[in-house]
Amino acid sequence: MKLTARSPVVTLIALVLAVAAPSGCAGVGTGNSSGKGASGAGLDDPAKKDIAMRLVSSAENSTLDWKAQYGYIEDIRDGRGYTAGIIGFCSGTGDMLSVVRRYTKARPGNPLERFLPALRAVKGTDAHTGLGRPFTEAWSRAAGDAAFRRAQDTERDRSYFDPAVRQAKKDGLGTLGQFIYYDAYVMHGAGDTAGSVGFRTIRSQALDDDRTPTDGGEEGTYLDAFLDARVAAIRKEPSHSDTSRVETAQRVFVHEGNFGLETPLEWKVYGDSYRIKGPGGS
């Protein structure tokens, strides 16, 4: 604790509060206002949101250049069909269908519209029936259309970013916790599916072990519990068994007490090292 010159009364109050505050586990920042960068800006601040997108892109696409991923598409053989776009929309889970529907509403007659029946048919499977190379090429070309990029942005916010940040704020979490929830939403989805544990179950399991800051828990210990539950969920999926996006990235920020997700940030994913010097920088 760094003490500065102040009146005896203020000093006494500060010392009483410091003694009364619960202590956290070694090496883990605790409380909403403790740790590095406990600022008022949440993940929905544009600069913080950009950082979040770069962090996700390092895990999803092995690059910090998330804005170059609108045209990305491939089958990564995880049982979800094609994975594509800025956060990995999938033909098998239905969010890719939502993107194309949204794009078609904004731009009727676009090259992806004709694949809507096929996307509806393959939802819930890993099939490429009616899609294939014509679809993947059309998806990549559509990335040059601002309406298509907006459709991806809107679906990301509606299905993943907004509900994650909203729940994190209800739980009393700072910017880092909001990002941890968001990344879990991106990778696992909101609810359980066949062979996959969703965000709600992960959070429920974390609550079995610890309390959120809103309920009187400490931010660092609760986030550690959430990440423990998430690691367990990842290990249940053979195609997503690598836990480095948690252990050598998010867990590092938690143990640094960087609850404001303040730059500079350094982390590793799948053995690759990344660094963000500051907002908007590399």
C-alpha atoms as a PDB file:
ATOM      1  CA  MET A   1       0.000   0.000   0.000  1.00  0.00           C
ATOM      2  CA  LYS A   2       1.415   3.401  -0.969  1.00  0.00           C
ATOM      3  CA  LEU A   3       0.686   6.053   1.664  1.00  0.00           C
ATOM      4  CA  THR A   4       0.528   9.750   0.838  1.00  0.00           C
ATOM      5  CA  ALA A   5       0.282  12.835   3.020  1.00  0.00           C
ATOM      6  CA  ARG A   6      -3.256  13.290   4.341  1.00  0.00           C
ATOM      7  CA  SER A   7      -5.140  14.325   7.448  1.00  0.00           C
ATOM      8  CA  PRO A   8      -5.047  12.011  10.512  1.00  0.00           C
ATOM      9  CA  VAL A   9      -8.798  11.298  10.184  1.00  0.00           C
ATOM     10  CA  VAL A  10      -8.560  10.307   6.510  1.00  0.00           C
ATOM     11  CA  THR A  11      -5.507   8.161   7.237  1.00  0.00           C
ATOM     12  CA  LEU A  12      -7.306   6.392  10.091  1.00  0.00           C
ATOM     13  CA  ILE A  13     -10.336   5.656   7.875  1.00  0.00           C
ATOM     14  CA  ALA A  14      -8.090   4.314   5.108  1.00  0.00           C
ATOM     15  CA  LEU A  15      -6.252   2.011   7.511  1.00  0.00           C
ATOM     16  CA  VAL A  16      -9.506   0.697   8.996  1.00  0.00           C
ATOM     17  CA  LEU A  17     -10.837  -0.086   5.513  1.00  0.00           C
ATOM     18  CA  ALA A  18      -7.578  -1.775   4.533  1.00  0.00           C
ATOM     19  CA  VAL A  19      -7.680  -4.043   7.592  1.00  0.00           C
ATOM     20  CA  ALA A  20     -11.383  -4.844   7.160  1.00  0.00           C
ATOM     21  CA  ALA A  21     -11.055  -5.767   3.481  1.00  0.00           C
ATOM     22  CA  PRO A  22     -10.903  -9.523   2.845  1.00  0.00           C
ATOM     23  CA  SER A  23      -7.595 -10.868   1.584  1.00  0.00           C
ATOM     24  CA  GLY A  24      -7.282 -12.783  -1.680  1.00  0.00           C
ATOM     25  CA  CYS A  25      -5.136 -15.726  -2.667  1.00  0.00           C
ATOM     26  CA  ALA A  26      -1.445 -15.148  -3.287  1.00  0.00           C
ATOM     27  CA  GLY A  27      -0.638 -13.504  -6.591  1.00  0.00           C
ATOM     28  CA  VAL A  28      -4.266 -12.743  -7.472  1.00  0.00           C
ATOM     29  CA  GLY A  29      -5.689  -9.225  -7.394  1.00  0.00           C
ATOM     30  CA  THR A  30      -8.893  -8.900  -5.423  1.00  0.00           C
ATOM     31  CA  GLY A  31     -11.924  -6.648  -5.365  1.00  0.00           C
ATOM     32  CA  ASN A  32     -13.436  -4.507  -8.080  1.00  0.00           C
ATOM     33  CA  SER A  33     -11.223  -1.506  -7.418  1.00  0.00           C
ATOM     34  CA  SER A  34      -7.922  -3.253  -6.778  1.00  0.00           C
ATOM     35  CA  GLY A  35      -5.217  -4.315  -9.172  1.00  0.00           C
ATOM     36  CA  LYS A  36      -3.775  -2.688 -12.270  1.00  0.00           C
ATOM     37  CA  GLY A  37      -5.981  -0.381 -14.258  1.00  0.00           C
ATOM     38  CA  ALA A  38      -9.266  -0.527 -12.345  1.00  0.00           C
ATOM     39  CA  SER A  39     -10.690   2.201 -14.566  1.00  0.00           C
ATOM     40  CA  GLY A  40     -14.282   3.112 -15.300  1.00  0.00           C
ATOM     41  CA  ALA A  41     -14.131   2.137 -18.975  1.00  0.00           C
ATOM     42  CA  GLY A  42     -15.879  -1.151 -19.667  1.00  0.00           C
ATOM     43  CA  LEU A  43     -15.398  -3.516 -22.573  1.00  0.00           C
ATOM     44  CA  ASP A  44     -18.035  -1.608 -24.541  1.00  0.00           C
ATOM     45  CA  ASP A  45     -15.671   1.370 -24.677  1.00  0.00           C
ATOM     46  CA  PRO A  46     -14.535   1.410 -28.357  1.00  0.00           C
ATOM     47  CA  ALA A  47     -10.827   1.201 -27.503  1.00  0.00           C
ATOM     48  CA  LYS A  48     -11.392  -1.691 -25.095  1.00  0.00           C
ATOM     49  CA  LYS A  49     -13.649  -3.471 -27.565  1.00  0.00           C
ATOM     50  CA  ASP A  50     -10.921  -3.285 -30.191  1.00  0.00           C
ATOM     51  CA  ILE A  51      -8.475  -4.823 -27.718  1.00  0.00           C
ATOM     52  CA  ALA A  52     -10.989  -7.593 -27.018  1.00  0.00           C
ATOM     53  CA  MET A  53     -11.335  -8.307 -30.720  1.00  0.00           C
ATOM     54  CA  ARG A  54      -7.561  -8.526 -31.118  1.00  0.00           C
ATOM     55  CA  LEU A  55      -7.312 -10.899 -28.176  1.00  0.00           C
ATOM     56  CA  VAL A  56     -10.013 -13.141 -29.635  1.00  0.00           C
ATOM     57  CA  SER A  57      -8.392 -13.006 -33.069  1.00  0.00           C
ATOM     58  CA  SER A  58      -5.093 -14.208 -31.636  1.00  0.00           C
ATOM     59  CA  ALA A  59      -6.873 -17.393 -30.540  1.00  0.00           C
ATOM     60  CA  GLU A  60      -9.275 -17.784 -33.458  1.00  0.00           C
ATOM     61  CA  ASN A  61      -7.028 -16.712 -36.342  1.00  0.00           C
ATOM     62  CA  SER A  62      -3.452 -16.495 -34.973  1.00  0.00           C
ATOM     63  CA  THR A  63      -3.258 -12.782 -35.754  1.00  0.00           C
ATOM     64  CA  LEU A  64      -4.149  -9.480 -34.083  1.00  0.00           C
ATOM     65  CA  ASP A  65      -5.578  -8.123 -37.355  1.00  0.00           C
ATOM     66  CA  TRP A  66      -9.201  -9.014 -36.648  1.00  0.00           C
ATOM     67  CA  LYS A  67     -10.523  -6.638 -39.308  1.00  0.00           C
ATOM     68  CA  ALA A  68      -8.890  -8.801 -41.989  1.00  0.00           C
ATOM     69  CA  GLN A  69     -11.019 -11.803 -40.936  1.00  0.00           C
ATOM     70  CA  TYR A  70     -14.422 -10.885 -42.405  1.00  0.00           C
ATOM     71  CA  GLY A  71     -13.641 -13.045 -45.443  1.00  0.00           C
ATOM     72  CA  TYR A  72     -12.073 -15.950 -43.570  1.00  0.00           C
ATOM     73  CA  ILE A  73     -13.829 -19.308 -43.971  1.00  0.00           C
ATOM     74  CA  GLU A  74     -12.802 -22.971 -43.585  1.00  0.00           C
ATOM     75  CA  ASP A  75     -13.893 -26.237 -42.027  1.00  0.00           C
ATOM     76  CA  ILE A  76     -11.621 -26.747 -39.018  1.00  0.00           C
ATOM     77  CA  ARG A  77     -13.058 -30.242 -38.432  1.00  0.00           C
ATOM     78  CA  ASP A  78     -14.596 -29.494 -35.062  1.00  0.00           C
ATOM     79  CA  GLY A  79     -18.026 -30.872 -35.914  1.00  0.00           C
ATOM     80  CA  ARG A  80     -19.536 -27.441 -36.566  1.00  0.00           C
ATOM     81  CA  GLY A  81     -19.205 -27.318 -40.345  1.00  0.00           C
ATOM     82  CA  TYR A  82     -17.700 -24.158 -41.791  1.00  0.00           C
ATOM     83  CA  THR A  83     -16.155 -21.638 -39.406  1.00  0.00           C
ATOM     84  CA  ALA A  84     -15.947 -18.103 -40.765  1.00  0.00           C
ATOM     85  CA  GLY A  85     -15.703 -14.385 -40.168  1.00  0.00           C
ATOM     86  CA  ILE A  86     -14.514 -12.215 -37.330  1.00  0.00           C
ATOM     87  CA  ILE A  87     -15.428 -14.534 -34.444  1.00  0.00           C
ATOM     88  CA  GLY A  88     -15.901 -17.885 -36.134  1.00  0.00           C
ATOM     89  CA  PHE A  89     -19.570 -18.013 -37.140  1.00  0.00           C
ATOM     90  CA  CYS A  90     -20.463 -21.650 -37.904  1.00  0.00           C
ATOM     91  CA  SER A  91     -22.734 -23.242 -40.466  1.00  0.00           C
ATOM     92  CA  GLY A  92     -23.563 -25.982 -37.980  1.00  0.00           C
ATOM     93  CA  THR A  93     -24.608 -23.752 -35.087  1.00  0.00           C
ATOM     94  CA  GLY A  94     -26.867 -21.328 -36.924  1.00  0.00           C
ATOM     95  CA  ASP A  95     -25.089 -18.029 -36.334  1.00  0.00           C
ATOM     96  CA  MET A  96     -23.667 -18.112 -39.865  1.00  0.00           C
ATOM     97  CA  LEU A  97     -27.246 -18.459 -41.115  1.00  0.00           C
ATOM     98  CA  SER A  98     -28.174 -15.405 -39.033  1.00  0.00           C
ATOM     99  CA  VAL A  99     -25.341 -13.384 -40.599  1.00  0.00           C
ATOM    100  CA  VAL A 100     -26.455 -14.238 -44.139  1.00  0.00           C
ATOM    101  CA  ARG A 101     -30.091 -13.506 -43.302  1.00  0.00           C
ATOM    102  CA  ARG A 102     -29.098 -10.127 -41.886  1.00  0.00           C
ATOM    103  CA  TYR A 103     -26.928  -9.379 -44.920  1.00  0.00           C
ATOM    104  CA  THR A 104     -29.743 -10.320 -47.289  1.00  0.00           C
ATOM    105  CA  LYS A 105     -32.158  -8.025 -45.496  1.00  0.00           C
ATOM    106  CA  ALA A 106     -29.737  -5.139 -45.978  1.00  0.00           C
ATOM    107  CA  ARG A 107     -28.634  -6.149 -49.494  1.00  0.00           C
ATOM    108  CA  PRO A 108     -31.295  -8.221 -51.302  1.00  0.00           C
ATOM    109  CA  GLY A 109     -29.923 -10.229 -54.205  1.00  0.00           C
ATOM    110  CA  ASN A 110     -26.414 -10.513 -52.740  1.00  0.00           C
ATOM    111  CA  PRO A 111     -24.310 -13.538 -53.835  1.00  0.00           C
ATOM    112  CA  LEU A 112     -24.859 -15.365 -50.528  1.00  0.00           C
ATOM    113  CA  GLU A 113     -28.650 -15.179 -50.589  1.00  0.00           C
ATOM    114  CA  ARG A 114     -29.028 -18.270 -52.778  1.00  0.00           C
ATOM    115  CA  PHE A 115     -27.330 -20.368 -50.074  1.00  0.00           C
ATOM    116  CA  LEU A 116     -29.944 -19.620 -47.416  1.00  0.00           C
ATOM    117  CA  PRO A 117     -31.897 -22.885 -48.012  1.00  0.00           C
ATOM    118  CA  ALA A 118     -28.683 -24.913 -47.739  1.00  0.00           C
ATOM    119  CA  LEU A 119     -27.632 -23.115 -44.557  1.00  0.00           C
ATOM    120  CA  ARG A 120     -31.011 -23.855 -43.019  1.00  0.00           C
ATOM    121  CA  ALA A 121     -30.681 -27.516 -44.018  1.00  0.00           C
ATOM    122  CA  VAL A 122     -27.185 -28.045 -42.534  1.00  0.00           C
ATOM    123  CA  LYS A 123     -27.899 -26.301 -39.231  1.00  0.00           C
ATOM    124  CA  GLY A 124     -27.102 -28.703 -36.414  1.00  0.00           C
ATOM    125  CA  THR A 125     -24.721 -30.761 -38.568  1.00  0.00           C
ATOM    126  CA  ASP A 126     -21.203 -30.525 -39.990  1.00  0.00           C
ATOM    127  CA  ALA A 127     -22.419 -31.114 -43.558  1.00  0.00           C
ATOM    128  CA  HIS A 128     -21.438 -29.023 -46.591  1.00  0.00           C
ATOM    129  CA  THR A 129     -24.451 -30.076 -48.632  1.00  0.00           C
ATOM    130  CA  GLY A 130     -25.435 -27.336 -51.054  1.00  0.00           C
ATOM    131  CA  LEU A 131     -22.518 -25.157 -49.970  1.00  0.00           C
ATOM    132  CA  GLY A 132     -18.963 -26.187 -50.917  1.00  0.00           C
ATOM    133  CA  ARG A 133     -16.539 -24.041 -52.898  1.00  0.00           C
ATOM    134  CA  PRO A 134     -19.206 -21.808 -54.493  1.00  0.00           C
ATOM    135  CA  PHE A 135     -20.331 -20.807 -51.009  1.00  0.00           C
ATOM    136  CA  THR A 136     -16.863 -20.275 -49.520  1.00  0.00           C
ATOM    137  CA  GLU A 137     -15.803 -18.187 -52.517  1.00  0.00           C
ATOM    138  CA  ALA A 138     -18.978 -16.092 -52.277  1.00  0.00           C
ATOM    139  CA  TRP A 139     -18.371 -15.556 -48.552  1.00  0.00           C
ATOM    140  CA  SER A 140     -14.813 -14.360 -49.155  1.00  0.00           C
ATOM    141  CA  ARG A 141     -15.910 -11.982 -51.909  1.00  0.00           C
ATOM    142  CA  ALA A 142     -18.723 -10.584 -49.763  1.00  0.00           C
ATOM    143  CA  ALA A 143     -16.145  -9.320 -47.262  1.00  0.00           C
ATOM    144  CA  GLY A 144     -15.551  -6.394 -49.613  1.00  0.00           C
ATOM    145  CA  ASP A 145     -19.124  -5.197 -49.004  1.00  0.00           C
ATOM    146  CA  ALA A 146     -19.596  -2.892 -46.002  1.00  0.00           C
ATOM    147  CA  ALA A 147     -23.138  -4.248 -45.540  1.00  0.00           C
ATOM    148  CA  PHE A 148     -21.741  -7.759 -45.067  1.00  0.00           C
ATOM    149  CA  ARG A 149     -19.186  -6.529 -42.542  1.00  0.00           C
ATOM    150  CA  ARG A 150     -21.954  -4.717 -40.657  1.00  0.00           C
ATOM    151  CA  ALA A 151     -24.016  -7.914 -40.640  1.00  0.00           C
ATOM    152  CA  GLN A 152     -21.135  -9.748 -38.945  1.00  0.00           C
ATOM    153  CA  ASP A 153     -20.601  -6.919 -36.460  1.00  0.00           C
ATOM    154  CA  THR A 154     -24.284  -6.831 -35.562  1.00  0.00           C
ATOM    155  CA  GLU A 155     -24.574 -10.594 -35.103  1.00  0.00           C
ATOM    156  CA  ARG A 156     -21.420 -10.623 -32.970  1.00  0.00           C
ATOM    157  CA  ASP A 157     -22.877  -7.947 -30.713  1.00  0.00           C
ATOM    158  CA  ARG A 158     -26.385  -9.411 -30.514  1.00  0.00           C
ATOM    159  CA  SER A 159     -25.438 -13.008 -29.837  1.00  0.00           C
ATOM    160  CA  TYR A 160     -22.117 -12.758 -28.017  1.00  0.00           C
ATOM    161  CA  PHE A 161     -20.667  -9.394 -27.031  1.00  0.00           C
ATOM    162  CA  ASP A 162     -23.718  -7.649 -25.595  1.00  0.00           C
ATOM    163  CA  PRO A 163     -25.071 -10.544 -23.482  1.00  0.00           C
ATOM    164  CA  ALA A 164     -21.571 -11.344 -22.178  1.00  0.00           C
ATOM    165  CA  VAL A 165     -20.841  -7.773 -21.122  1.00  0.00           C
ATOM    166  CA  ARG A 166     -24.333  -7.348 -19.669  1.00  0.00           C
ATOM    167  CA  GLN A 167     -23.975 -10.460 -17.475  1.00  0.00           C
ATOM    168  CA  ALA A 168     -20.440  -9.530 -16.426  1.00  0.00           C
ATOM    169  CA  LYS A 169     -21.586  -6.098 -15.287  1.00  0.00           C
ATOM    170  CA  LYS A 170     -24.426  -7.684 -13.301  1.00  0.00           C
ATOM    171  CA  ASP A 171     -21.809  -9.887 -11.646  1.00  0.00           C
ATOM    172  CA  GLY A 172     -19.749  -6.825 -10.703  1.00  0.00           C
ATOM    173  CA  LEU A 173     -16.846  -7.619 -13.020  1.00  0.00           C
ATOM    174  CA  GLY A 174     -14.471  -5.078 -14.531  1.00  0.00           C
ATOM    175  CA  THR A 175     -13.236  -4.884 -18.102  1.00  0.00           C
ATOM    176  CA  LEU A 176     -11.097  -8.019 -17.866  1.00  0.00           C
ATOM    177  CA  GLY A 177     -13.966 -10.072 -16.462  1.00  0.00           C
ATOM    178  CA  GLN A 178     -16.226  -8.750 -19.204  1.00  0.00           C
ATOM    179  CA  PHE A 179     -13.688  -9.934 -21.773  1.00  0.00           C
ATOM    180  CA  ILE A 180     -13.348 -13.343 -20.110  1.00  0.00           C
ATOM    181  CA  TYR A 181     -17.133 -13.776 -20.343  1.00  0.00           C
ATOM    182  CA  TYR A 182     -17.133 -12.599 -23.962  1.00  0.00           C
ATOM    183  CA  ASP A 183     -14.414 -15.008 -25.034  1.00  0.00           C
ATOM    184  CA  ALA A 184     -16.289 -17.850 -23.341  1.00  0.00           C
ATOM    185  CA  TYR A 185     -19.451 -16.872 -25.236  1.00  0.00           C
ATOM    186  CA  VAL A 186     -17.515 -16.852 -28.527  1.00  0.00           C
ATOM    187  CA  MET A 187     -15.969 -20.283 -28.014  1.00  0.00           C
ATOM    188  CA  HIS A 188     -18.733 -22.135 -26.185  1.00  0.00           C
ATOM    189  CA  GLY A 189     -21.986 -20.323 -26.985  1.00  0.00           C
ATOM    190  CA  ALA A 190     -24.607 -19.435 -24.405  1.00  0.00           C
ATOM    191  CA  GLY A 191     -26.087 -22.882 -23.774  1.00  0.00           C
ATOM    192  CA  ASP A 192     -24.984 -26.493 -23.817  1.00  0.00           C
ATOM    193  CA  THR A 193     -25.054 -28.445 -27.070  1.00  0.00           C
ATOM    194  CA  ALA A 194     -24.266 -32.067 -27.880  1.00  0.00           C
ATOM    195  CA  GLY A 195     -20.683 -32.619 -26.723  1.00  0.00           C
ATOM    196  CA  SER A 196     -20.156 -28.988 -25.713  1.00  0.00           C
ATOM    197  CA  VAL A 197     -20.590 -27.113 -22.428  1.00  0.00           C
ATOM    198  CA  GLY A 198     -21.970 -23.588 -22.820  1.00  0.00           C
ATOM    199  CA  PHE A 199     -21.361 -20.315 -20.997  1.00  0.00           C
ATOM    200  CA  ARG A 200     -24.299 -20.637 -18.624  1.00  0.00           C
ATOM    201  CA  THR A 201     -23.111 -24.017 -17.349  1.00  0.00           C
ATOM    202  CA  ILE A 202     -19.528 -22.758 -16.992  1.00  0.00           C
ATOM    203  CA  ARG A 203     -20.735 -19.802 -14.940  1.00  0.00           C
ATOM    204  CA  SER A 204     -22.966 -22.049 -12.820  1.00  0.00           C
ATOM    205  CA  GLN A 205     -20.016 -24.321 -12.057  1.00  0.00           C
ATOM    206  CA  ALA A 206     -17.895 -21.313 -11.081  1.00  0.00           C
ATOM    207  CA  LEU A 207     -20.649 -20.169  -8.709  1.00  0.00           C
ATOM    208  CA  ASP A 208     -20.499 -23.561  -7.010  1.00  0.00           C
ATOM    209  CA  ASP A 209     -16.948 -22.675  -5.922  1.00  0.00           C
ATOM    210  CA  ASP A 210     -16.996 -18.917  -5.422  1.00  0.00           C
ATOM    211  CA  ARG A 211     -19.146 -15.789  -5.309  1.00  0.00           C
ATOM    212  CA  THR A 212     -19.250 -12.957  -7.806  1.00  0.00           C
ATOM    213  CA  PRO A 213     -18.176  -9.491  -6.655  1.00  0.00           C
ATOM    214  CA  THR A 214     -21.858  -8.480  -6.687  1.00  0.00           C
ATOM    215  CA  ASP A 215     -22.532 -11.166  -4.081  1.00  0.00           C
ATOM    216  CA  GLY A 216     -19.532 -10.211  -1.959  1.00  0.00           C
ATOM    217  CA  GLY A 217     -16.831 -12.311  -3.585  1.00  0.00           C
ATOM    218  CA  GLU A 218     -13.405 -11.176  -4.684  1.00  0.00           C
ATOM    219  CA  GLU A 219     -12.905 -10.487  -8.365  1.00  0.00           C
ATOM    220  CA  GLY A 220      -9.623 -12.356  -8.763  1.00  0.00           C
ATOM    221  CA  THR A 221     -10.672 -15.516  -6.971  1.00  0.00           C
ATOM    222  CA  TYR A 222     -14.041 -15.621  -8.733  1.00  0.00           C
ATOM    223  CA  LEU A 223     -12.415 -15.205 -12.160  1.00  0.00           C
ATOM    224  CA  ASP A 224      -9.972 -17.982 -11.320  1.00  0.00           C
ATOM    225  CA  ALA A 225     -12.940 -20.213 -10.473  1.00  0.00           C
ATOM    226  CA  PHE A 226     -14.648 -19.283 -13.750  1.00  0.00           C
ATOM    227  CA  LEU A 227     -11.481 -20.044 -15.721  1.00  0.00           C
ATOM    228  CA  ASP A 228     -11.113 -23.378 -13.897  1.00  0.00           C
ATOM    229  CA  ALA A 229     -14.627 -24.296 -15.021  1.00  0.00           C
ATOM    230  CA  ARG A 230     -13.861 -23.145 -18.537  1.00  0.00           C
ATOM    231  CA  VAL A 231     -10.681 -25.216 -18.752  1.00  0.00           C
ATOM    232  CA  ALA A 232     -12.707 -28.256 -17.719  1.00  0.00           C
ATOM    233  CA  ALA A 233     -15.235 -27.461 -20.459  1.00  0.00           C
ATOM    234  CA  ILE A 234     -12.515 -27.097 -23.106  1.00  0.00           C
ATOM    235  CA  ARG A 235     -10.984 -30.433 -22.167  1.00  0.00           C
ATOM    236  CA  LYS A 236     -14.306 -32.146 -22.818  1.00  0.00           C
ATOM    237  CA  GLU A 237     -14.040 -31.186 -26.501  1.00  0.00           C
ATOM    238  CA  PRO A 238     -11.306 -33.127 -28.356  1.00  0.00           C
ATOM    239  CA  SER A 239     -11.122 -30.488 -31.095  1.00  0.00           C
ATOM    240  CA  HIS A 240     -10.565 -27.729 -28.500  1.00  0.00           C
ATOM    241  CA  SER A 241      -8.347 -29.517 -25.982  1.00  0.00           C
ATOM    242  CA  ASP A 242      -5.633 -26.817 -25.973  1.00  0.00           C
ATOM    243  CA  THR A 243      -6.291 -24.492 -23.020  1.00  0.00           C
ATOM    244  CA  SER A 244      -3.608 -21.887 -23.709  1.00  0.00           C
ATOM    245  CA  ARG A 245      -6.121 -19.151 -24.585  1.00  0.00           C
ATOM    246  CA  VAL A 246      -7.028 -19.399 -20.880  1.00  0.00           C
ATOM    247  CA  GLU A 247      -3.852 -20.467 -19.109  1.00  0.00           C
ATOM    248  CA  THR A 248      -1.220 -18.351 -20.894  1.00  0.00           C
ATOM    249  CA  ALA A 249      -3.484 -15.422 -21.698  1.00  0.00           C
ATOM    250  CA  GLN A 250      -6.545 -14.657 -19.565  1.00  0.00           C
ATOM    251  CA  ARG A 251      -5.230 -16.327 -16.414  1.00  0.00           C
ATOM    252  CA  VAL A 252      -2.041 -14.256 -16.750  1.00  0.00           C
ATOM    253  CA  PHE A 253      -4.049 -11.014 -16.755  1.00  0.00           C
ATOM    254  CA  VAL A 254      -6.027 -12.154 -13.710  1.00  0.00           C
ATOM    255  CA  HIS A 255      -2.892 -12.963 -11.728  1.00  0.00           C
ATOM    256  CA  GLU A 256      -1.408  -9.614 -12.703  1.00  0.00           C
ATOM    257  CA  GLY A 257      -4.496  -7.976 -11.203  1.00  0.00           C
ATOM    258  CA  ASN A 258      -5.150  -6.224 -14.514  1.00  0.00           C
ATOM    259  CA  PHE A 259      -8.920  -5.989 -14.065  1.00  0.00           C
ATOM    260  CA  GLY A 260      -9.120  -2.905 -16.278  1.00  0.00           C
ATOM    261  CA  LEU A 261      -7.476  -4.792 -19.179  1.00  0.00           C
ATOM    262  CA  GLU A 262      -4.968  -1.983 -19.440  1.00  0.00           C
ATOM    263  CA  THR A 263      -2.160  -2.012 -21.986  1.00  0.00           C
ATOM    264  CA  PRO A 264       0.548  -3.048 -22.498  1.00  0.00           C
ATOM    265  CA  LEU A 265      -0.629  -6.658 -22.670  1.00  0.00           C
ATOM    266  CA  GLU A 266       1.550  -9.689 -23.311  1.00  0.00           C
ATOM    267  CA  TRP A 267       0.252 -13.247 -23.705  1.00  0.00           C
ATOM    268  CA  LYS A 268       0.654 -16.531 -25.568  1.00  0.00           C
ATOM    269  CA  VAL A 269      -1.845 -18.671 -27.448  1.00  0.00           C
ATOM    270  CA  TYR A 270      -0.951 -22.071 -28.918  1.00  0.00           C
ATOM    271  CA  GLY A 271       2.706 -21.254 -28.236  1.00  0.00           C
ATOM    272  CA  ASP A 272       2.696 -17.973 -30.206  1.00  0.00           C
ATOM    273  CA  SER A 273       3.549 -14.748 -28.370  1.00  0.00           C
ATOM    274  CA  TYR A 274       1.534 -11.535 -28.760  1.00  0.00           C
ATOM    275  CA  ARG A 275       1.782  -7.991 -27.447  1.00  0.00           C
ATOM    276  CA  ILE A 276      -0.470  -4.949 -27.542  1.00  0.00           C
ATOM    277  CA  LYS A 277       1.429  -1.795 -26.643  1.00  0.00           C
ATOM    278  CA  GLY A 278      -1.607   0.445 -26.456  1.00  0.00           C
ATOM    279  CA  PRO A 279      -5.103   1.070 -27.870  1.00  0.00           C
ATOM    280  CA  GLY A 280      -4.937   1.022 -31.651  1.00  0.00           C
ATOM    281  CA  GLY A 281      -1.290  -0.104 -31.587  1.00  0.00           C
ATOM    282  CA  SER A 282       0.363  -3.440 -32.170  1.00  0.00           C
END
